[in-house]
Amino acid sequence: MSDTVTAHRASGPAARRRSPTALPRSFVWTRRIVLTLLAVFTATPLYVMVSSSLKPLEEVSGAFRWIPAELTLQPYRDIWRTVPLGRYFLNSLIVSASATACSVAVAVFAAYAVSRYRFRGRQIFTVTVLSTQMFPGILFLLPLFLLFVNVGNATGLALYGSRGALILTYMTFTLPLSIWMLAGYFASIPRDLDEAALVDGCGPLGALFRVLIPAAVPGIIAVTVYSFMTAWGEVLFASVMTNDATRTLSIGLQGYATQTEVYWNQVMAASLVVSVPVVAGFLLLQRYLVAGLTAGAVK
């Protein structure tokens, strides 16, 4: 009987003490409150966008109401007629995907050379590539504009206002950081994998395609997401390097504002629609972004 009472007391509330490694209750509750406030701070603009996109223009133009008096899907139908949103969407998709593919392809080879070979000027090349990120984009706007115009006048190629010119422009500021990121990623992969591939009869390119690239899939995907998001939302160069036929979404959204009125409900609806590809791509690829540096690198 005494043993039963002793065991009951040992398992009672007085005996259940907190683990020495457990976080203090004050810290736990503070963290919960801060995270809740951050969630509310993030969700409030999204709610305003979604609710405004479902309101008639008259209600959006008036005083803001948290609970819409009337819900309608008409703004989502009107956004395709007010401006040629489909053409802008296609232009952005072509330009962003092409610039991303070219940047990643060039960055893979450049990063492989920088991380695996020692050559004269290697350090200078790396520093120069990274230093280009210190300069604002507007510094390159006029030189690129003059370059495309002069090349077009000399060769007859219509570079200015074309998708190709915009793709080359986007590569000028996505490629340097892509090279730097992948060079560090490749450097973290053990060289023993390269040596094992060479022993098996692979050449340098064979080792790159069969060993390094499969091992560096998370890093390549991270660079791809960065390049695509940068090109997708770029405004400065797109406002100068495009015309009515090659205009992208970031500039095309300005068409919902006229001299007399701004279609705020359509602006919110179009903003939500154009953000779908980026959000969907991020959600689909997020598991690769957090994968290990050498995932799948064991031969």
Foldseek 3Di string as FASTA:
>chain_A
DVVVVVVPVCPDPVNPDDDPPDDDPVVVVVVVVVVVVVVCVVVVVVLVLVVLLQAPQVQNPDDDDSDHPGGHNVLVVCLCVLFVQVLQLVLLVVLLVLLLVVLLVVLLVLLLCLQPHDDPCSVVVLVVLVCVQVDDPVVCQVVLVVVQVVCCVVPVDNQFADSVSLSVSLSSPLNSVLNNQSNVLLNPDDCVQVVVVVVVPDDPVRSSVVARCVQAVLSSVVSSLVSSVCSSQDDDNLVGRHDSNNRHDNVRLVSQDDPVDHRSSSSSSSVVVSCVVSVVSCVVCVVSNPDDSRVPNDD
